[in-house]
Amino acid sequence: MLELSPFDAMACVEIEELDSIDNKMLFNRSMSLSESRAKLFIDYYNETRRFRYGHIGLLPAEYAHEYHNIKNEWQRKVVTIGVDDDLVICVLKHVQMFQHVYKRLEGLPISIKENKKNEELVFDKLASTGLIKKFLANEPESIWLKDKGFSVDTKFDTYNYHTSVPSHYETKVGVNKWMTKKGVNRLLKDDKLTWTKLDKHHSSIKIINDAFTRWKRDVEKTKWLSAGFSKSISQYKYWNDPNVDYWLFEYDKFPVGLIVYLIVNDDVSYMLVNKGLDHLSFDEKPNVPDEVRKRIGAYMHHITIKDLYHRGVQDMFAGGAMGTRKASLGVHKNIMNDSYFGVNIYGNNT
């Protein structure tokens, strides 16, 4: 159970109020994930879902408080709903798809007193009032929703990729057989190929981000350039944040790769950025051997997973593969991770 101050113990909204407010007011009275007190509730929510469902219970990086230090996304919030002396935590997302604007529940409600009856009371009220139009759920939650008569609106098969860091390192990327097969051992002997976990500002971050944006625009030819996120990654003062690791890879002092990890409570890590030579377009083509170009992805993976392993991180998530590069991105993530899992989105039939 959460230890809360008198201020934190005050509900954002009481359950009785849900009959008299609209979804805009509910969202406005919810906590931004950038707020320090929101961390208490989103951490508890994730930890409880992890206990109930395993790693598939953990929400993506965008729902971690620490992520919003890098890029504050107002569309995601956490709200506490009071039911007598209990608080029920809900995670909300504002969705705008062309003319369709609505609020979505990211996972089912969770009581800080582990009161399942209160969780269902809150869910039923959010659904019956129409405050929430859709519900995102993992497989165990989907069973509960189906039993209540809800039907699937959308299905995402590759919502997130997951790796159990200890077993992944001990049985795969840290094992000599894998390192030899993937060419990692050969690259480790190349003195021109270097890596640095950055502890100060480095101009190469912007160079790599610009090269990635250029590749997406000119080679992949997609309009989804993620310019806002790349700008946030370039401008963030990562050297002041112990929860963020920037890994820069260079060949003969030329930047050839960038991996950024967000680490929550020294336990769960999220790969926010993984940019290597295959997806970088420079004004002048760097002089990098084909062997390095071919194997650098595995090399970068080995170096960073080894570090997470020695830090004691348990779970690592690499994001989903639902964009325009789904085929190639999915293949790479499937090779470099243990597994992937999906979610369902249910429509509100009330």
Protein backbone atom coordinates (compact mmCIF):
# COMPACT_ATOMS: atom_id res chain seq x y z
CA MET A 1 0.00 0.00 0.00
CA LEU A 2 1.20 3.51 -0.79
CA GLU A 3 2.45 5.80 1.96
CA LEU A 4 0.88 9.16 1.11
CA SER A 5 1.08 12.66 2.56
CA PRO A 6 -2.25 14.33 3.38
CA PHE A 7 -1.97 16.31 0.13
CA ASP A 8 -1.24 13.26 -2.03
CA ALA A 9 -4.07 11.36 -0.33
CA MET A 10 -6.60 13.88 -1.69
CA ALA A 11 -8.35 12.45 -4.73
CA CYS A 12 -8.24 14.34 -8.01
CA VAL A 13 -11.93 13.50 -8.40
CA GLU A 14 -14.44 11.75 -6.15
CA ILE A 15 -16.44 8.95 -7.75
CA GLU A 16 -19.71 10.81 -7.07
CA GLU A 17 -18.46 13.73 -9.18
CA LEU A 18 -18.13 11.58 -12.30
CA ASP A 19 -21.88 11.94 -12.90
CA SER A 20 -21.64 15.73 -13.17
CA ILE A 21 -18.41 16.46 -15.07
CA ASP A 22 -17.43 16.01 -18.69
CA ASN A 23 -14.33 14.30 -20.05
CA LYS A 24 -12.53 17.62 -20.51
CA MET A 25 -12.94 18.48 -16.83
CA LEU A 26 -11.84 14.99 -15.82
CA PHE A 27 -8.69 15.39 -17.89
CA ASN A 28 -8.01 18.88 -16.55
CA ARG A 29 -8.24 17.66 -12.96
CA SER A 30 -5.85 14.78 -13.64
CA MET A 31 -2.11 14.96 -12.95
CA SER A 32 0.41 15.62 -15.68
CA LEU A 33 3.00 12.86 -15.70
CA SER A 34 5.68 15.55 -15.42
CA GLU A 35 4.48 16.40 -11.88
CA SER A 36 6.61 14.97 -9.09
CA ARG A 37 3.62 13.57 -7.20
CA ALA A 38 2.45 11.77 -10.34
CA LYS A 39 5.52 9.52 -10.03
CA LEU A 40 4.10 8.01 -6.81
CA PHE A 41 0.96 6.90 -8.58
CA ILE A 42 2.31 5.86 -11.98
CA ASP A 43 5.06 3.81 -10.30
CA TYR A 44 2.53 2.09 -8.05
CA TYR A 45 0.24 1.48 -11.02
CA ASN A 46 3.04 -0.10 -13.06
CA GLU A 47 4.39 -2.14 -10.14
CA THR A 48 0.92 -3.52 -9.39
CA ARG A 49 0.25 -4.43 -13.03
CA ARG A 50 3.69 -6.07 -13.20
CA PHE A 51 2.84 -8.14 -10.10
CA ARG A 52 -0.54 -9.14 -11.57
CA TYR A 53 0.43 -9.78 -15.19
CA GLY A 54 4.23 -10.00 -15.40
CA HIS A 55 6.22 -7.77 -17.76
CA ILE A 56 3.23 -7.24 -20.07
CA GLY A 57 1.70 -5.18 -17.26
CA LEU A 58 4.28 -2.41 -17.61
CA LEU A 59 3.17 0.53 -19.74
CA PRO A 60 5.53 1.98 -22.39
CA ALA A 61 8.18 4.63 -21.69
CA GLU A 62 5.79 7.48 -22.50
CA TYR A 63 3.91 6.69 -19.27
CA ALA A 64 6.96 6.96 -17.01
CA HIS A 65 7.38 10.18 -15.03
CA GLU A 66 11.07 10.29 -15.98
CA TYR A 67 10.26 10.33 -19.71
CA HIS A 68 8.39 13.60 -19.30
CA ASN A 69 11.54 15.30 -18.06
CA ILE A 70 12.83 14.79 -21.61
CA LYS A 71 9.62 15.47 -23.52
CA ASN A 72 6.47 16.48 -21.71
CA GLU A 73 3.49 15.03 -23.54
CA TRP A 74 0.31 16.62 -22.22
CA GLN A 75 -1.87 13.96 -23.87
CA ARG A 76 -0.99 11.42 -21.14
CA LYS A 77 -2.10 11.82 -17.52
CA VAL A 78 -2.77 9.89 -14.33
CA VAL A 79 -5.84 10.49 -12.17
CA THR A 80 -6.84 9.34 -8.69
CA ILE A 81 -10.55 8.74 -8.09
CA GLY A 82 -11.77 8.67 -4.51
CA VAL A 83 -14.01 5.81 -3.36
CA ASP A 84 -14.68 6.27 0.36
CA ASP A 85 -11.21 6.05 1.99
CA ASP A 86 -9.62 4.43 -1.08
CA LEU A 87 -7.93 5.92 -4.13
CA VAL A 88 -8.31 4.23 -7.50
CA ILE A 89 -5.62 5.05 -10.05
CA CYS A 90 -6.43 5.40 -13.74
CA VAL A 91 -4.11 6.27 -16.61
CA LEU A 92 -5.64 8.43 -19.33
CA LYS A 93 -4.73 9.32 -22.88
CA HIS A 94 -6.25 12.11 -24.93
CA VAL A 95 -6.71 10.79 -28.48
CA GLN A 96 -7.38 12.91 -31.53
CA MET A 97 -7.78 11.04 -34.81
CA PHE A 98 -9.01 13.49 -37.43
CA GLN A 99 -12.57 14.40 -36.38
CA HIS A 100 -12.61 11.80 -33.58
CA VAL A 101 -11.57 13.21 -30.19
CA TYR A 102 -11.93 11.14 -27.02
CA LYS A 103 -10.29 9.91 -23.81
CA ARG A 104 -8.87 6.38 -23.54
CA LEU A 105 -8.10 4.31 -20.46
CA GLU A 106 -4.60 2.77 -20.62
CA GLY A 107 -5.14 -0.43 -18.66
CA LEU A 108 -7.80 -1.12 -16.04
CA PRO A 109 -8.20 0.91 -12.81
CA ILE A 110 -6.06 -0.08 -9.81
CA SER A 111 -6.94 0.51 -6.15
CA ILE A 112 -4.15 1.50 -3.76
CA LYS A 113 -5.89 -0.76 -1.20
CA GLU A 114 -6.09 -3.60 -3.74
CA ASN A 115 -9.86 -3.44 -3.55
CA LYS A 116 -11.13 -5.12 -6.74
CA LYS A 117 -14.69 -4.04 -6.02
CA ASN A 118 -13.66 -0.38 -6.02
CA GLU A 119 -11.70 -0.89 -9.23
CA GLU A 120 -14.80 -2.24 -10.94
CA LEU A 121 -16.98 0.55 -9.50
CA VAL A 122 -14.69 3.17 -11.04
CA PHE A 123 -14.49 1.36 -14.36
CA ASP A 124 -18.26 0.97 -14.58
CA LYS A 125 -18.80 4.65 -13.78
CA LEU A 126 -16.25 5.84 -16.37
CA ALA A 127 -17.86 3.60 -18.98
CA SER A 128 -21.53 4.28 -18.18
CA THR A 129 -21.08 8.07 -18.13
CA GLY A 130 -19.22 8.00 -21.45
CA LEU A 131 -16.26 9.84 -19.95
CA ILE A 132 -14.02 7.14 -21.42
CA LYS A 133 -14.72 6.01 -24.98
CA LYS A 134 -12.07 3.31 -25.39
CA PHE A 135 -10.01 0.98 -23.24
CA LEU A 136 -6.52 -0.37 -23.92
CA ALA A 137 -5.90 -3.78 -22.38
CA ASN A 138 -3.34 -6.58 -22.28
CA GLU A 139 -4.45 -10.20 -22.66
CA PRO A 140 -5.50 -10.87 -19.02
CA GLU A 141 -7.38 -7.56 -18.90
CA SER A 142 -8.99 -8.43 -22.24
CA ILE A 143 -10.58 -11.52 -20.73
CA TRP A 144 -12.19 -9.35 -18.04
CA LEU A 145 -13.45 -6.86 -20.62
CA LYS A 146 -14.88 -9.59 -22.86
CA ASP A 147 -16.70 -11.05 -19.85
CA LYS A 148 -18.30 -7.63 -19.33
CA GLY A 149 -19.51 -7.60 -22.94
CA PHE A 150 -16.96 -5.29 -24.58
CA SER A 151 -15.66 -6.07 -28.05
CA VAL A 152 -12.29 -5.43 -29.70
CA ASP A 153 -12.06 -2.27 -31.79
CA THR A 154 -8.35 -2.41 -32.71
CA LYS A 155 -5.57 -4.96 -32.19
CA PHE A 156 -1.81 -4.25 -31.98
CA ASP A 157 0.30 -7.40 -32.23
CA THR A 158 3.68 -5.74 -31.67
CA TYR A 159 2.85 -3.17 -28.99
CA ASN A 160 6.22 -3.58 -27.26
CA TYR A 161 9.37 -5.71 -27.35
CA HIS A 162 10.70 -7.08 -24.09
CA THR A 163 13.97 -8.49 -22.78
CA SER A 164 14.71 -10.05 -19.41
CA VAL A 165 18.14 -8.47 -18.95
CA PRO A 166 19.74 -11.11 -16.66
CA SER A 167 18.81 -14.14 -18.77
CA HIS A 168 19.35 -12.27 -22.05
CA TYR A 169 22.91 -11.41 -21.11
CA GLU A 170 23.78 -14.70 -19.39
CA THR A 171 22.42 -16.95 -22.14
CA LYS A 172 22.77 -14.82 -25.27
CA VAL A 173 24.55 -11.51 -25.79
CA GLY A 174 27.19 -12.11 -23.13
CA VAL A 175 28.01 -15.61 -24.36
CA ASN A 176 31.07 -16.12 -26.55
CA LYS A 177 29.15 -18.23 -29.10
CA TRP A 178 26.65 -15.43 -29.79
CA MET A 179 29.36 -12.77 -29.81
CA THR A 180 31.36 -14.74 -32.37
CA LYS A 181 28.36 -15.53 -34.56
CA LYS A 182 27.24 -11.89 -34.64
CA GLY A 183 30.76 -10.59 -35.27
CA VAL A 184 30.91 -8.74 -31.96
CA ASN A 185 34.25 -10.30 -30.97
CA ARG A 186 35.81 -9.09 -34.22
CA LEU A 187 34.49 -5.57 -33.75
CA LEU A 188 35.77 -5.45 -30.19
CA LYS A 189 39.28 -5.84 -31.61
CA ASP A 190 38.90 -2.85 -33.96
CA ASP A 191 40.60 0.08 -32.21
CA LYS A 192 38.87 2.61 -34.46
CA LEU A 193 35.43 1.55 -33.24
CA THR A 194 34.79 3.19 -29.87
CA TRP A 195 31.90 3.93 -27.54
CA THR A 196 31.28 6.45 -24.78
CA LYS A 197 28.55 6.79 -22.16
CA LEU A 198 28.27 10.55 -22.34
CA ASP A 199 28.59 12.70 -19.23
CA LYS A 200 28.59 16.10 -20.91
CA HIS A 201 27.19 17.87 -23.96
CA HIS A 202 28.34 16.39 -27.26
CA SER A 203 27.72 17.88 -30.70
CA SER A 204 27.43 14.41 -32.28
CA ILE A 205 23.94 13.95 -30.80
CA LYS A 206 22.49 16.59 -33.10
CA ILE A 207 24.56 15.29 -36.03
CA ILE A 208 23.11 11.79 -35.65
CA ASN A 209 19.56 13.04 -35.12
CA ASP A 210 19.79 15.22 -38.23
CA ALA A 211 21.21 12.29 -40.23
CA PHE A 212 18.32 10.08 -39.07
CA THR A 213 15.74 12.71 -40.00
CA ARG A 214 17.38 13.11 -43.43
CA TRP A 215 17.28 9.33 -43.94
CA LYS A 216 13.58 9.16 -43.06
CA ARG A 217 12.77 12.06 -45.37
CA ASP A 218 14.98 11.22 -48.37
CA VAL A 219 15.39 7.43 -48.22
CA GLU A 220 12.36 6.07 -46.41
CA LYS A 221 10.30 8.99 -47.76
CA THR A 222 7.96 9.20 -44.82
CA LYS A 223 6.20 12.29 -43.54
CA TRP A 224 6.42 10.96 -39.97
CA LEU A 225 9.79 12.48 -39.08
CA SER A 226 9.50 12.52 -35.25
CA ALA A 227 11.12 15.94 -35.36
CA GLY A 228 9.75 16.99 -31.97
CA PHE A 229 11.16 13.98 -30.16
CA SER A 230 14.53 14.23 -31.94
CA LYS A 231 14.74 17.89 -30.93
CA SER A 232 14.02 16.96 -27.31
CA ILE A 233 16.72 14.28 -27.37
CA SER A 234 19.22 16.75 -28.86
CA GLN A 235 18.46 19.49 -26.35
CA TYR A 236 18.06 17.43 -23.16
CA LYS A 237 20.70 17.93 -20.46
CA TYR A 238 21.22 14.20 -19.99
CA TRP A 239 24.45 14.67 -18.06
CA ASN A 240 22.39 16.00 -15.12
CA ASP A 241 19.96 13.07 -15.12
CA PRO A 242 21.05 9.74 -13.56
CA ASN A 243 17.97 8.08 -15.08
CA VAL A 244 19.08 8.64 -18.68
CA ASP A 245 22.05 7.11 -20.51
CA TYR A 246 23.29 8.40 -23.87
CA TRP A 247 25.62 5.95 -25.64
CA LEU A 248 27.63 7.39 -28.52
CA PHE A 249 29.40 5.08 -30.96
CA GLU A 250 32.13 6.38 -33.28
CA TYR A 251 34.35 4.97 -35.99
CA ASP A 252 37.64 6.77 -36.40
CA LYS A 253 36.05 9.64 -34.40
CA PHE A 254 33.07 9.86 -36.78
CA PRO A 255 29.61 9.34 -35.15
CA VAL A 256 28.02 6.10 -36.36
CA GLY A 257 25.46 5.22 -33.71
CA LEU A 258 23.40 6.45 -30.77
CA ILE A 259 21.45 4.52 -28.15
CA VAL A 260 19.48 6.26 -25.41
CA TYR A 261 18.08 4.40 -22.41
CA LEU A 262 15.63 5.65 -19.81
CA ILE A 263 16.04 3.76 -16.53
CA VAL A 264 13.30 3.83 -13.90
CA ASN A 265 14.13 3.01 -10.28
CA ASP A 266 17.28 1.09 -11.38
CA ASP A 267 14.94 -1.75 -12.31
CA VAL A 268 13.19 -1.14 -15.63
CA SER A 269 14.80 0.31 -18.74
CA TYR A 270 13.29 1.70 -21.93
CA MET A 271 15.24 2.08 -25.16
CA LEU A 272 14.21 5.51 -26.42
CA VAL A 273 16.66 5.78 -29.30
CA ASN A 274 18.54 3.20 -31.39
CA LYS A 275 20.10 4.84 -34.44
CA GLY A 276 22.81 3.08 -36.42
CA LEU A 277 24.46 3.44 -39.81
CA ASP A 278 21.71 1.63 -41.74
CA HIS A 279 19.30 4.44 -40.93
CA LEU A 280 21.59 7.47 -41.09
CA SER A 281 22.12 9.70 -44.13
CA PHE A 282 25.12 12.06 -44.01
CA ASP A 283 26.18 14.77 -46.44
CA GLU A 284 29.39 12.81 -46.97
CA LYS A 285 29.41 9.03 -46.71
CA PRO A 286 31.61 7.99 -43.77
CA ASN A 287 34.56 5.73 -44.47
CA VAL A 288 33.42 2.69 -42.50
CA PRO A 289 34.29 -0.94 -43.43
CA ASP A 290 31.41 -3.13 -44.60
CA GLU A 291 32.05 -5.55 -41.71
CA VAL A 292 31.44 -2.74 -39.22
CA ARG A 293 28.33 -1.55 -41.10
CA LYS A 294 26.91 -5.08 -41.07
CA ARG A 295 27.69 -5.93 -37.44
CA ILE A 296 27.45 -2.64 -35.59
CA GLY A 297 23.85 -3.24 -34.49
CA ALA A 298 24.80 -6.38 -32.56
CA TYR A 299 27.91 -4.63 -31.22
CA MET A 300 25.87 -1.70 -29.86
CA HIS A 301 23.35 -4.11 -28.37
CA HIS A 302 26.06 -6.13 -26.60
CA ILE A 303 27.75 -3.06 -25.09
CA THR A 304 24.56 -1.53 -23.70
CA ILE A 305 22.93 -4.75 -22.45
CA LYS A 306 26.17 -5.62 -20.62
CA ASP A 307 25.97 -2.29 -18.81
CA LEU A 308 22.29 -2.75 -17.89
CA TYR A 309 23.09 -6.24 -16.61
CA HIS A 310 25.84 -5.01 -14.29
CA ARG A 311 23.56 -2.23 -13.04
CA GLY A 312 21.01 -4.80 -11.94
CA VAL A 313 18.24 -3.78 -14.36
CA GLN A 314 15.66 -6.56 -14.71
CA ASP A 315 13.39 -5.65 -17.63
CA MET A 316 14.17 -3.79 -20.85
CA PHE A 317 11.63 -2.59 -23.40
CA ALA A 318 12.49 -1.55 -26.94
CA GLY A 319 9.17 -0.02 -28.04
CA GLY A 320 6.75 -1.35 -30.61
CA ALA A 321 7.01 -1.87 -34.35
CA MET A 322 3.86 -0.26 -35.68
CA GLY A 323 5.25 2.40 -38.02
CA THR A 324 6.21 2.54 -41.69
CA ARG A 325 9.35 0.46 -41.09
CA LYS A 326 7.34 -2.30 -39.46
CA ALA A 327 8.90 -5.15 -41.45
CA SER A 328 12.60 -4.26 -41.09
CA LEU A 329 12.16 -2.76 -37.64
CA GLY A 330 10.21 -5.77 -36.44
CA VAL A 331 12.82 -8.22 -37.71
CA HIS A 332 15.63 -6.35 -35.96
CA LYS A 333 13.75 -6.02 -32.68
CA ASN A 334 12.71 -9.67 -32.77
CA ILE A 335 16.37 -10.74 -33.12
CA MET A 336 17.68 -8.41 -30.42
CA ASN A 337 14.95 -9.03 -27.83
CA ASP A 338 13.40 -12.00 -26.05
CA SER A 339 9.78 -11.54 -27.07
CA TYR A 340 7.04 -9.13 -27.99
CA PHE A 341 3.46 -8.72 -26.88
CA GLY A 342 0.31 -7.08 -28.11
CA VAL A 343 -2.68 -5.20 -26.74
CA ASN A 344 -6.31 -4.77 -27.68
CA ILE A 345 -8.35 -1.60 -27.74
CA TYR A 346 -12.01 -1.97 -26.81
CA GLY A 347 -14.79 0.38 -27.74
CA ASN A 348 -17.33 1.65 -25.21
CA ASN A 349 -20.67 0.13 -26.15
CA THR A 350 -22.71 2.14 -23.64
